[in-house]
C-alpha cells in the first residue's frame, strides 16, 4: 500500500509539473486568437459539472480484478451528454443522461461459472438546478434516477433507483474543486445482482494552465447500504482542450486505482480515456 501511495502521489506531482511547464508557452493563446474560441475558459468549464455549456463526453474505462476470483476484466463506454437550460436571471437547469455499454471477459459469478459478453448497463439520469450565486462558489441540486433498462444482471443491478443528487464547487483562478454526490433508494426490482440503496460521493480537484492542459484528480466512492461495502476508485488524469475549426474537443487519459471494492467488482489498477465534444452557443 505504501508503494501504491507513493506511485499515485508521484504521478500527481509529475502531472502538475508538466502542466505548469507547458503554461510558459503561448500556443493555446495563439490558437484561441485564430479561432476566436477561448480554449482555456472552455477547459475550465469542462472541469465544472454544472457549467452553462453543452458538452458530449465519451468515456472509455478498462478495469481488472472483476469476478468472484478477481480473474476477469471489464470494459465500459459511457455516453453522457450535458444539456443546460436557461431559466433566466443566471439560473440554469442541467440534465445529464448517462448510458453505459459494457463488455466483460472471463468474469466468474457466485456459482463458479465464468461469463464473457457485452450489453447495455443501467441508464442513469442526473439533473441539477443551479442558481446564480454571484460568487466563485456555486451549487446545484436535483432529482436522480437509474433504470436497469432490461439488462440481465451481468452488467449491474436489476433494480430501479431514485433519489437526489447535489454538487458544490469553487472556481478560483486556474483551480476548480468541490464535491458531487447522490443518495439513491431502491424503488423495486430483483435484488439478486445488487441493490440501488447507495450513497455516492466524489471529491474532485482540477488545475487548468494557460495552454488549456488540465490535471484532474477525483475519488468516486459508492457505499451500498445492503452489502456494507464501498467501491472507491481513485483517478488521476491529464486532458488537453484543442480547437478544430471553432469546434472545441478535449482529449484525456489517466490511471485508476481501486482503494476498495465491492464483492465481485473491479479491483487493483485500471485506466480511463475520454473525448469530449463541446457545442458552443
C-alpha atoms as a PDB file:
ATOM      1  CA  UNK A   1       0.000   0.000   0.000  1.00  0.00           C
ATOM      2  CA  UNK A   2       2.914   2.385   0.756  1.00  0.00           C
ATOM      3  CA  UNK A   3       4.371   1.754  -2.704  1.00  0.00           C
ATOM      4  CA  UNK A   4       0.966   2.346  -4.309  1.00  0.00           C
ATOM      5  CA  UNK A   5       0.528   5.609  -2.399  1.00  0.00           C
ATOM      6  CA  UNK A   6       3.986   6.763  -3.472  1.00  0.00           C
ATOM      7  CA  UNK A   7       3.171   5.900  -7.085  1.00  0.00           C
ATOM      8  CA  UNK A   8      -0.099   7.852  -7.019  1.00  0.00           C
ATOM      9  CA  UNK A   9       1.441  10.877  -5.303  1.00  0.00           C
ATOM     10  CA  UNK A  10       4.383  10.802  -7.710  1.00  0.00           C
ATOM     11  CA  UNK A  11       2.021  10.661 -10.687  1.00  0.00           C
ATOM     12  CA  UNK A  12       0.028  13.646  -9.423  1.00  0.00           C
ATOM     13  CA  UNK A  13       3.175  15.726  -8.827  1.00  0.00           C
ATOM     14  CA  UNK A  14       4.588  14.816 -12.228  1.00  0.00           C
ATOM     15  CA  UNK A  15       1.358  15.771 -13.986  1.00  0.00           C
ATOM     16  CA  UNK A  16       1.201  19.111 -12.173  1.00  0.00           C
ATOM     17  CA  UNK A  17       4.830  19.758 -13.136  1.00  0.00           C
ATOM     18  CA  UNK A  18       4.127  19.054 -16.802  1.00  0.00           C
ATOM     19  CA  UNK A  19       1.035  21.265 -16.737  1.00  0.00           C
ATOM     20  CA  UNK A  20       2.944  24.120 -15.089  1.00  0.00           C
ATOM     21  CA  UNK A  21       5.827  23.811 -17.541  1.00  0.00           C
ATOM     22  CA  UNK A  22       3.500  23.908 -20.520  1.00  0.00           C
ATOM     23  CA  UNK A  23       1.859  27.080 -19.177  1.00  0.00           C
ATOM     24  CA  UNK A  24       5.026  29.014 -20.013  1.00  0.00           C
ATOM     25  CA  UNK A  25       4.308  28.627 -23.705  1.00  0.00           C
ATOM     26  CA  UNK A  26       1.841  30.624 -25.790  1.00  0.00           C
ATOM     27  CA  UNK A  27       0.402  28.025 -28.157  1.00  0.00           C
ATOM     28  CA  UNK A  28      -3.092  27.963 -26.635  1.00  0.00           C
ATOM     29  CA  UNK A  29      -3.291  31.761 -26.681  1.00  0.00           C
ATOM     30  CA  UNK A  30      -2.337  31.828 -30.369  1.00  0.00           C
ATOM     31  CA  UNK A  31      -4.847  29.082 -31.182  1.00  0.00           C
ATOM     32  CA  UNK A  32      -7.591  30.932 -29.309  1.00  0.00           C
ATOM     33  CA  UNK A  33      -6.781  34.160 -31.145  1.00  0.00           C
ATOM     34  CA  UNK A  34      -7.001  32.426 -34.529  1.00  0.00           C
ATOM     35  CA  UNK A  35     -10.208  30.521 -33.830  1.00  0.00           C
ATOM     36  CA  UNK A  36     -11.997  33.107 -31.705  1.00  0.00           C
ATOM     37  CA  UNK A  37     -12.543  30.423 -29.049  1.00  0.00           C
ATOM     38  CA  UNK A  38     -11.083  30.850 -25.558  1.00  0.00           C
ATOM     39  CA  UNK A  39      -9.658  27.357 -25.145  1.00  0.00           C
ATOM     40  CA  UNK A  40      -8.559  27.922 -21.552  1.00  0.00           C
ATOM     41  CA  UNK A  41     -12.002  29.118 -20.491  1.00  0.00           C
ATOM     42  CA  UNK A  42     -13.688  26.161 -22.196  1.00  0.00           C
ATOM     43  CA  UNK A  43     -11.257  23.761 -20.492  1.00  0.00           C
ATOM     44  CA  UNK A  44     -12.090  25.298 -17.106  1.00  0.00           C
ATOM     45  CA  UNK A  45     -15.800  24.886 -17.759  1.00  0.00           C
ATOM     46  CA  UNK A  46     -15.309  21.208 -18.589  1.00  0.00           C
ATOM     47  CA  UNK A  47     -13.922  20.761 -15.058  1.00  0.00           C
ATOM     48  CA  UNK A  48     -17.208  22.216 -13.722  1.00  0.00           C
ATOM     49  CA  UNK A  49     -20.067  19.648 -13.781  1.00  0.00           C
ATOM     50  CA  UNK A  50     -22.738  22.404 -13.698  1.00  0.00           C
ATOM     51  CA  UNK A  51     -21.216  24.820 -16.214  1.00  0.00           C
ATOM     52  CA  UNK A  52     -23.625  26.557 -18.591  1.00  0.00           C
ATOM     53  CA  UNK A  53     -22.226  24.771 -21.643  1.00  0.00           C
ATOM     54  CA  UNK A  54     -23.338  21.901 -23.871  1.00  0.00           C
ATOM     55  CA  UNK A  55     -20.864  19.028 -23.944  1.00  0.00           C
ATOM     56  CA  UNK A  56     -20.889  15.455 -25.210  1.00  0.00           C
ATOM     57  CA  UNK A  57     -18.350  13.282 -23.355  1.00  0.00           C
ATOM     58  CA  UNK A  58     -17.408   9.740 -24.308  1.00  0.00           C
ATOM     59  CA  UNK A  59     -15.549   7.839 -21.601  1.00  0.00           C
ATOM     60  CA  UNK A  60     -13.771   4.510 -22.054  1.00  0.00           C
ATOM     61  CA  UNK A  61     -12.679   2.602 -18.960  1.00  0.00           C
ATOM     62  CA  UNK A  62     -10.754  -0.639 -18.507  1.00  0.00           C
ATOM     63  CA  UNK A  63     -10.947  -2.479 -15.170  1.00  0.00           C
ATOM     64  CA  UNK A  64      -9.269  -5.634 -13.887  1.00  0.00           C
ATOM     65  CA  UNK A  65      -9.800  -7.995 -10.973  1.00  0.00           C
ATOM     66  CA  UNK A  66     -13.505  -8.489 -11.736  1.00  0.00           C
ATOM     67  CA  UNK A  67     -15.500 -11.505 -10.553  1.00  0.00           C
ATOM     68  CA  UNK A  68     -15.556 -13.856  -7.589  1.00  0.00           C
ATOM     69  CA  UNK A  69     -11.996 -14.985  -8.278  1.00  0.00           C
ATOM     70  CA  UNK A  70     -10.881 -11.493  -9.377  1.00  0.00           C
ATOM     71  CA  UNK A  71      -9.656 -13.026 -12.623  1.00  0.00           C
ATOM     72  CA  UNK A  72     -11.902 -11.223 -15.110  1.00  0.00           C
ATOM     73  CA  UNK A  73     -11.822  -7.854 -16.834  1.00  0.00           C
ATOM     74  CA  UNK A  74     -14.391  -5.258 -17.824  1.00  0.00           C
ATOM     75  CA  UNK A  75     -14.524  -2.523 -20.427  1.00  0.00           C
ATOM     76  CA  UNK A  76     -17.148   0.217 -20.345  1.00  0.00           C
ATOM     77  CA  UNK A  77     -18.066   3.023 -22.725  1.00  0.00           C
ATOM     78  CA  UNK A  78     -20.099   5.872 -21.244  1.00  0.00           C
ATOM     79  CA  UNK A  79     -22.130   8.321 -23.317  1.00  0.00           C
ATOM     80  CA  UNK A  80     -23.064  11.210 -21.034  1.00  0.00           C
ATOM     81  CA  UNK A  81     -24.208  14.423 -22.785  1.00  0.00           C
ATOM     82  CA  UNK A  82     -24.716  17.536 -20.655  1.00  0.00           C
ATOM     83  CA  UNK A  83     -27.579  19.886 -21.598  1.00  0.00           C
ATOM     84  CA  UNK A  84     -28.132  23.171 -19.692  1.00  0.00           C
ATOM     85  CA  UNK A  85     -31.405  25.111 -19.892  1.00  0.00           C
ATOM     86  CA  UNK A  86     -31.500  28.840 -19.139  1.00  0.00           C
ATOM     87  CA  UNK A  87     -34.123  29.724 -16.520  1.00  0.00           C
ATOM     88  CA  UNK A  88     -33.405  33.453 -16.557  1.00  0.00           C
ATOM     89  CA  UNK A  89     -31.556  35.626 -14.092  1.00  0.00           C
ATOM     90  CA  UNK A  90     -28.461  33.470 -14.398  1.00  0.00           C
ATOM     91  CA  UNK A  91     -30.215  30.371 -13.047  1.00  0.00           C
ATOM     92  CA  UNK A  92     -29.884  27.167 -15.049  1.00  0.00           C
ATOM     93  CA  UNK A  93     -31.243  23.630 -15.012  1.00  0.00           C
ATOM     94  CA  UNK A  94     -28.860  20.908 -16.173  1.00  0.00           C
ATOM     95  CA  UNK A  95     -29.811  17.445 -17.419  1.00  0.00           C
ATOM     96  CA  UNK A  96     -27.177  14.716 -17.780  1.00  0.00           C
ATOM     97  CA  UNK A  97     -28.294  11.274 -19.008  1.00  0.00           C
ATOM     98  CA  UNK A  98     -25.644   8.550 -18.763  1.00  0.00           C
ATOM     99  CA  UNK A  99     -25.801   5.434 -20.954  1.00  0.00           C
ATOM    100  CA  UNK A 100     -23.166   2.753 -20.396  1.00  0.00           C
ATOM    101  CA  UNK A 101     -22.196  -0.078 -22.666  1.00  0.00           C
ATOM    102  CA  UNK A 102     -20.129  -2.860 -21.073  1.00  0.00           C
ATOM    103  CA  UNK A 103     -18.025  -5.823 -22.166  1.00  0.00           C
ATOM    104  CA  UNK A 104     -16.922  -8.458 -19.667  1.00  0.00           C
ATOM    105  CA  UNK A 105     -14.306 -11.171 -20.209  1.00  0.00           C
ATOM    106  CA  UNK A 106     -13.914 -14.300 -18.027  1.00  0.00           C
ATOM    107  CA  UNK A 107     -15.895 -12.882 -15.114  1.00  0.00           C
ATOM    108  CA  UNK A 108     -16.631 -15.608 -12.570  1.00  0.00           C
ATOM    109  CA  UNK A 109     -20.050 -15.490 -10.903  1.00  0.00           C
ATOM    110  CA  UNK A 110     -21.026 -16.632  -7.419  1.00  0.00           C
ATOM    111  CA  UNK A 111     -21.949 -20.034  -8.895  1.00  0.00           C
ATOM    112  CA  UNK A 112     -18.356 -20.545 -10.095  1.00  0.00           C
ATOM    113  CA  UNK A 113     -19.210 -20.212 -13.787  1.00  0.00           C
ATOM    114  CA  UNK A 114     -17.354 -17.701 -15.968  1.00  0.00           C
ATOM    115  CA  UNK A 115     -19.138 -15.243 -18.240  1.00  0.00           C
ATOM    116  CA  UNK A 116     -17.968 -13.297 -21.272  1.00  0.00           C
ATOM    117  CA  UNK A 117     -20.220 -10.954 -23.206  1.00  0.00           C
ATOM    118  CA  UNK A 118     -21.395  -7.416 -23.762  1.00  0.00           C
ATOM    119  CA  UNK A 119     -24.550  -5.375 -23.300  1.00  0.00           C
ATOM    120  CA  UNK A 120     -26.110  -2.163 -22.027  1.00  0.00           C
ATOM    121  CA  UNK A 121     -25.746  -1.451 -18.320  1.00  0.00           C
ATOM    122  CA  UNK A 122     -28.047   0.748 -16.266  1.00  0.00           C
ATOM    123  CA  UNK A 123     -29.235   4.089 -17.684  1.00  0.00           C
ATOM    124  CA  UNK A 124     -28.836   6.999 -15.269  1.00  0.00           C
ATOM    125  CA  UNK A 125     -30.403  10.458 -15.257  1.00  0.00           C
ATOM    126  CA  UNK A 126     -28.807  13.225 -13.190  1.00  0.00           C
ATOM    127  CA  UNK A 127     -30.196  16.758 -13.019  1.00  0.00           C
ATOM    128  CA  UNK A 128     -29.247  19.947 -11.203  1.00  0.00           C
ATOM    129  CA  UNK A 129     -30.972  23.229 -10.510  1.00  0.00           C
ATOM    130  CA  UNK A 130     -28.073  25.685 -10.214  1.00  0.00           C
ATOM    131  CA  UNK A 131     -28.988  29.227  -9.090  1.00  0.00           C
ATOM    132  CA  UNK A 132     -26.884  32.273  -9.851  1.00  0.00           C
ATOM    133  CA  UNK A 133     -24.831  32.860  -6.686  1.00  0.00           C
ATOM    134  CA  UNK A 134     -22.831  35.893  -7.898  1.00  0.00           C
ATOM    135  CA  UNK A 135     -19.846  34.163  -6.316  1.00  0.00           C
ATOM    136  CA  UNK A 136     -16.994  31.848  -7.244  1.00  0.00           C
ATOM    137  CA  UNK A 137     -18.789  29.262  -5.092  1.00  0.00           C
ATOM    138  CA  UNK A 138     -21.727  27.624  -6.869  1.00  0.00           C
ATOM    139  CA  UNK A 139     -24.027  24.711  -6.112  1.00  0.00           C
ATOM    140  CA  UNK A 140     -26.722  22.591  -7.710  1.00  0.00           C
ATOM    141  CA  UNK A 141     -29.322  20.049  -6.630  1.00  0.00           C
ATOM    142  CA  UNK A 142     -31.931  17.922  -8.374  1.00  0.00           C
ATOM    143  CA  UNK A 143     -33.604  14.533  -8.823  1.00  0.00           C
ATOM    144  CA  UNK A 144     -31.645  11.376  -9.622  1.00  0.00           C
ATOM    145  CA  UNK A 145     -32.914   8.181 -11.269  1.00  0.00           C
ATOM    146  CA  UNK A 146     -31.433   4.921 -12.537  1.00  0.00           C
ATOM    147  CA  UNK A 147     -33.138   2.243 -14.614  1.00  0.00           C
ATOM    148  CA  UNK A 148     -31.959  -1.340 -15.215  1.00  0.00           C
ATOM    149  CA  UNK A 149     -33.136  -0.940 -18.833  1.00  0.00           C
ATOM    150  CA  UNK A 150     -33.752  -4.678 -19.183  1.00  0.00           C
ATOM    151  CA  UNK A 151     -30.189  -5.816 -18.500  1.00  0.00           C
ATOM    152  CA  UNK A 152     -29.525  -9.421 -17.468  1.00  0.00           C
ATOM    153  CA  UNK A 153     -27.852  -8.529 -14.184  1.00  0.00           C
ATOM    154  CA  UNK A 154     -24.431  -9.271 -15.661  1.00  0.00           C
ATOM    155  CA  UNK A 155     -23.648  -5.566 -16.001  1.00  0.00           C
ATOM    156  CA  UNK A 156     -25.259  -4.091 -12.891  1.00  0.00           C
ATOM    157  CA  UNK A 157     -28.292  -4.061 -10.652  1.00  0.00           C
ATOM    158  CA  UNK A 158     -31.723  -5.098 -11.952  1.00  0.00           C
ATOM    159  CA  UNK A 159     -33.397  -2.665  -9.585  1.00  0.00           C
ATOM    160  CA  UNK A 160     -34.772   0.801 -10.284  1.00  0.00           C
ATOM    161  CA  UNK A 161     -33.322   3.552  -8.137  1.00  0.00           C
ATOM    162  CA  UNK A 162     -34.401   7.119  -7.383  1.00  0.00           C
ATOM    163  CA  UNK A 163     -33.083   9.836  -5.145  1.00  0.00           C
ATOM    164  CA  UNK A 164     -31.387  13.214  -5.090  1.00  0.00           C
ATOM    165  CA  UNK A 165     -28.065  14.463  -6.434  1.00  0.00           C
ATOM    166  CA  UNK A 166     -26.134  17.593  -5.473  1.00  0.00           C
ATOM    167  CA  UNK A 167     -22.847  19.382  -6.089  1.00  0.00           C
ATOM    168  CA  UNK A 168     -20.957  22.292  -4.551  1.00  0.00           C
ATOM    169  CA  UNK A 169     -17.740  23.719  -6.002  1.00  0.00           C
ATOM    170  CA  UNK A 170     -15.446  26.712  -6.160  1.00  0.00           C
ATOM    171  CA  UNK A 171     -13.776  28.255  -9.224  1.00  0.00           C
ATOM    172  CA  UNK A 172     -10.637  30.057  -8.130  1.00  0.00           C
ATOM    173  CA  UNK A 173      -8.291  31.168 -10.901  1.00  0.00           C
ATOM    174  CA  UNK A 174      -6.939  28.038 -12.629  1.00  0.00           C
ATOM    175  CA  UNK A 175      -8.417  25.792  -9.901  1.00  0.00           C
ATOM    176  CA  UNK A 176     -11.797  24.063  -9.783  1.00  0.00           C
ATOM    177  CA  UNK A 177     -12.590  21.925  -6.741  1.00  0.00           C
ATOM    178  CA  UNK A 178     -15.637  20.599  -4.941  1.00  0.00           C
ATOM    179  CA  UNK A 179     -17.774  17.582  -4.126  1.00  0.00           C
ATOM    180  CA  UNK A 180     -20.525  15.865  -6.142  1.00  0.00           C
ATOM    181  CA  UNK A 181     -22.775  13.193  -4.678  1.00  0.00           C
ATOM    182  CA  UNK A 182     -26.114  11.437  -4.711  1.00  0.00           C
ATOM    183  CA  UNK A 183     -28.349   9.380  -2.457  1.00  0.00           C
ATOM    184  CA  UNK A 184     -30.294   6.593  -4.174  1.00  0.00           C
ATOM    185  CA  UNK A 185     -33.083   4.379  -2.805  1.00  0.00           C
ATOM    186  CA  UNK A 186     -34.463   1.127  -4.217  1.00  0.00           C
ATOM    187  CA  UNK A 187     -37.797   1.562  -5.993  1.00  0.00           C
ATOM    188  CA  UNK A 188     -38.300  -2.129  -6.796  1.00  0.00           C
ATOM    189  CA  UNK A 189     -36.812  -4.920  -8.851  1.00  0.00           C
ATOM    190  CA  UNK A 190     -34.685  -8.037  -8.454  1.00  0.00           C
ATOM    191  CA  UNK A 191     -32.038  -7.592  -5.702  1.00  0.00           C
ATOM    192  CA  UNK A 192     -30.041 -10.695  -6.721  1.00  0.00           C
ATOM    193  CA  UNK A 193     -27.485  -8.643  -8.680  1.00  0.00           C
ATOM    194  CA  UNK A 194     -27.126  -5.750  -6.246  1.00  0.00           C
ATOM    195  CA  UNK A 195     -29.418  -3.077  -4.870  1.00  0.00           C
ATOM    196  CA  UNK A 196     -29.914   0.624  -5.518  1.00  0.00           C
ATOM    197  CA  UNK A 197     -29.586   1.675  -1.880  1.00  0.00           C
ATOM    198  CA  UNK A 198     -26.411   3.647  -2.462  1.00  0.00           C
ATOM    199  CA  UNK A 199     -24.608   6.718  -1.184  1.00  0.00           C
ATOM    200  CA  UNK A 200     -22.152   8.226  -3.669  1.00  0.00           C
ATOM    201  CA  UNK A 201     -19.518  10.893  -3.052  1.00  0.00           C
ATOM    202  CA  UNK A 202     -16.978  12.335  -5.500  1.00  0.00           C
ATOM    203  CA  UNK A 203     -14.499  14.932  -4.243  1.00  0.00           C
ATOM    204  CA  UNK A 204     -12.598  16.423  -7.183  1.00  0.00           C
ATOM    205  CA  UNK A 205      -9.902  18.959  -7.973  1.00  0.00           C
ATOM    206  CA  UNK A 206      -8.712  20.255 -11.349  1.00  0.00           C
ATOM    207  CA  UNK A 207      -5.979  22.654 -12.417  1.00  0.00           C
ATOM    208  CA  UNK A 208      -6.045  24.257 -15.884  1.00  0.00           C
ATOM    209  CA  UNK A 209      -2.947  26.050 -17.173  1.00  0.00           C
ATOM    210  CA  UNK A 210      -2.519  28.712 -19.874  1.00  0.00           C
ATOM    211  CA  UNK A 211      -2.079  26.039 -22.532  1.00  0.00           C
ATOM    212  CA  UNK A 212      -5.539  24.518 -21.846  1.00  0.00           C
ATOM    213  CA  UNK A 213      -3.988  21.437 -20.237  1.00  0.00           C
ATOM    214  CA  UNK A 214      -5.993  20.225 -17.229  1.00  0.00           C
ATOM    215  CA  UNK A 215      -4.767  17.936 -14.466  1.00  0.00           C
ATOM    216  CA  UNK A 216      -7.641  16.230 -12.641  1.00  0.00           C
ATOM    217  CA  UNK A 217      -7.879  14.053  -9.546  1.00  0.00           C
ATOM    218  CA  UNK A 218     -11.055  12.577  -8.102  1.00  0.00           C
ATOM    219  CA  UNK A 219     -12.276   9.747  -5.922  1.00  0.00           C
ATOM    220  CA  UNK A 220     -15.642   8.120  -6.720  1.00  0.00           C
ATOM    221  CA  UNK A 221     -16.817   6.358  -3.575  1.00  0.00           C
ATOM    222  CA  UNK A 222     -20.077   4.354  -3.704  1.00  0.00           C
ATOM    223  CA  UNK A 223     -21.324   2.832  -0.446  1.00  0.00           C
ATOM    224  CA  UNK A 224     -24.040   0.170  -0.638  1.00  0.00           C
ATOM    225  CA  UNK A 225     -26.202   0.010   2.479  1.00  0.00           C
ATOM    226  CA  UNK A 226     -27.138  -3.649   1.954  1.00  0.00           C
ATOM    227  CA  UNK A 227     -23.687  -5.133   1.353  1.00  0.00           C
ATOM    228  CA  UNK A 228     -21.998  -2.655   3.722  1.00  0.00           C
ATOM    229  CA  UNK A 229     -19.161  -2.341   1.221  1.00  0.00           C
ATOM    230  CA  UNK A 230     -17.644   0.588  -0.650  1.00  0.00           C
ATOM    231  CA  UNK A 231     -16.278   0.752  -4.182  1.00  0.00           C
ATOM    232  CA  UNK A 232     -13.681   3.510  -4.150  1.00  0.00           C
ATOM    233  CA  UNK A 233     -11.686   4.147  -7.350  1.00  0.00           C
ATOM    234  CA  UNK A 234      -9.095   6.934  -7.398  1.00  0.00           C
ATOM    235  CA  UNK A 235      -8.494   8.596 -10.781  1.00  0.00           C
ATOM    236  CA  UNK A 236      -5.665  10.938 -11.780  1.00  0.00           C
ATOM    237  CA  UNK A 237      -5.560  12.173 -15.358  1.00  0.00           C
ATOM    238  CA  UNK A 238      -4.439  14.836 -17.817  1.00  0.00           C
ATOM    239  CA  UNK A 239      -6.546  16.340 -20.610  1.00  0.00           C
ATOM    240  CA  UNK A 240      -5.920  18.799 -23.419  1.00  0.00           C
ATOM    241  CA  UNK A 241      -8.510  21.122 -24.970  1.00  0.00           C
ATOM    242  CA  UNK A 242      -7.969  21.543 -28.716  1.00  0.00           C
ATOM    243  CA  UNK A 243      -9.948  23.627 -31.216  1.00  0.00           C
ATOM    244  CA  UNK A 244     -10.689  22.320 -34.702  1.00  0.00           C
ATOM    245  CA  UNK A 245     -12.390  24.864 -36.974  1.00  0.00           C
ATOM    246  CA  UNK A 246     -14.012  26.638 -33.970  1.00  0.00           C
ATOM    247  CA  UNK A 247     -15.086  23.286 -32.503  1.00  0.00           C
ATOM    248  CA  UNK A 248     -13.511  22.546 -29.086  1.00  0.00           C
ATOM    249  CA  UNK A 249     -12.676  18.913 -28.311  1.00  0.00           C
ATOM    250  CA  UNK A 250     -10.957  17.685 -25.171  1.00  0.00           C
ATOM    251  CA  UNK A 251      -8.874  14.508 -25.026  1.00  0.00           C
ATOM    252  CA  UNK A 252      -7.780  12.978 -21.732  1.00  0.00           C
ATOM    253  CA  UNK A 253      -6.420   9.838 -20.098  1.00  0.00           C
ATOM    254  CA  UNK A 254      -5.072   8.534 -16.826  1.00  0.00           C
ATOM    255  CA  UNK A 255      -4.765   5.589 -14.440  1.00  0.00           C
ATOM    256  CA  UNK A 256      -7.341   4.326 -11.928  1.00  0.00           C
ATOM    257  CA  UNK A 257      -6.656   2.501  -8.689  1.00  0.00           C
ATOM    258  CA  UNK A 258      -9.404   0.852  -6.596  1.00  0.00           C
ATOM    259  CA  UNK A 259      -8.668   1.701  -2.975  1.00  0.00           C
ATOM    260  CA  UNK A 260     -11.559  -0.598  -2.017  1.00  0.00           C
ATOM    261  CA  UNK A 261     -14.138  -2.623  -3.913  1.00  0.00           C
ATOM    262  CA  UNK A 262     -17.455  -4.409  -3.564  1.00  0.00           C
ATOM    263  CA  UNK A 263     -17.638  -8.239  -3.861  1.00  0.00           C
ATOM    264  CA  UNK A 264     -17.058  -9.205  -7.493  1.00  0.00           C
ATOM    265  CA  UNK A 265     -16.362  -5.612  -8.502  1.00  0.00           C
ATOM    266  CA  UNK A 266     -13.202  -4.241 -10.124  1.00  0.00           C
ATOM    267  CA  UNK A 267     -10.027  -4.151  -8.053  1.00  0.00           C
ATOM    268  CA  UNK A 268      -6.436  -3.044  -8.447  1.00  0.00           C
ATOM    269  CA  UNK A 269      -5.299  -0.905 -11.365  1.00  0.00           C
ATOM    270  CA  UNK A 270      -7.262   0.228 -14.396  1.00  0.00           C
ATOM    271  CA  UNK A 271      -7.271   3.036 -16.950  1.00  0.00           C
ATOM    272  CA  UNK A 272      -9.601   5.680 -18.362  1.00  0.00           C
ATOM    273  CA  UNK A 273      -9.649   7.697 -21.596  1.00  0.00           C
ATOM    274  CA  UNK A 274     -12.044  10.476 -22.559  1.00  0.00           C
ATOM    275  CA  UNK A 275     -13.032  12.501 -25.600  1.00  0.00           C
ATOM    276  CA  UNK A 276     -15.423  15.418 -25.116  1.00  0.00           C
ATOM    277  CA  UNK A 277     -17.076  17.454 -27.844  1.00  0.00           C
ATOM    278  CA  UNK A 278     -18.148  20.958 -26.816  1.00  0.00           C
ATOM    279  CA  UNK A 279     -21.043  22.662 -28.609  1.00  0.00           C
ATOM    280  CA  UNK A 280     -20.774  26.439 -28.217  1.00  0.00           C
ATOM    281  CA  UNK A 281     -23.928  28.524 -28.263  1.00  0.00           C
END
